[in-house]
């Protein structure tokens, strides 16, 4: 059984050209005779005789639309360090270097240089979303959690010691809207369920005062600063919060993945705020001022690349949804819970003093904040 030159070339072009050169040598360099024997064109013979055994590169000599090499090198380096995909990396490069690059250009560079996106998958390899993000209304689903700021694994030692020395707040209270990723934050020097209930109530009053209607669901863990796993306490809290059209929904023990959005925001706090700014604050008011600026940046200027966000800020997402909710809702005041409770009392007293049952029945689930708390 014989094999033709073309069939051999499909297996190995290098081997086919080596054989062609041997046939050409036996025929004393006669190109026409060699081409006739192998059943190929004379140009193919000359190519094997004068060129290399390997194929020439098909890369164009001139690529006027190709990205400059230093930009490509930067994309490759940052892509390998961060593990971001094309969309998120494009926003990251703009934030860090102020380079406006096309997401599709970044995507091609990552693919050309075999830079893989870091992925986290479930044990079975599937990916399941916690919510129907694309069709979710803003300010209907929330995740609530506290963060212990004094974490030696997350903070530089100098920052850790500075917080202790100047007695800055040790705890951060966060509630994040799943639909827009907007955050509402407060701080405290200690953890207490009094602060927990007051913080939740304060946020709900703020939401209702900015025309948020409908039922509100708040996912929360079983920390002692909330209901601590007590069914009786959860029932008491929900009976009061139900007057504001809200309900706390504790997650099962050990199911922290159900709090993924608020937990991810804590990591961003460590990287962009807590590891940098506390050392510039000598007292709690200065710290709260910095915290307010960080929350405002998060809600109005920092793009999010979570599911269904597409690089938009929480404020931009809210505007795109075209809900009848004031933009001012994202300017929630960052307060110290000790000051709140000291000045206007715990939230239970607010219900007794300001939220009479008769008034709530008349107002339904929509309560004007201006009629309630003189904050």
Foldseek 3Di string as FASTA:
>chain_A
DDDALVRVVVVPQLVSLVVLVVLCVVVVNDLVVSCVVRVHDSVVSVCSVPHHSDDDDPDDPDDPPQDDPVVLVVLLVVCQVVLDQLLVSQQVCCVPPVDRDDSVNSNVSCVVVVRHRDDDADPVRDDDDLDPQQPDDWQAEKEKDKDQLLDPVLAPPVLNVLCVVLVAFGMKIWMAISNLRQIAIATENDAALLLVLQSVVVLLLLQLQQPDDAAHEYEYELDRNHPNPDPVRQVVSQVVCVLLRYHYDYDPPPPCVSNVSVVVVVSVCSVPPSRPPSNVDNHHVVVQVSVLVVSCCQQQPFFDDPPPRSRPHSLVSNVVVVDSGDSCSSNHRHYYSVVVCVPPHGVVVQCVPFVDPVVSVVVPNRDNSVSGDPD
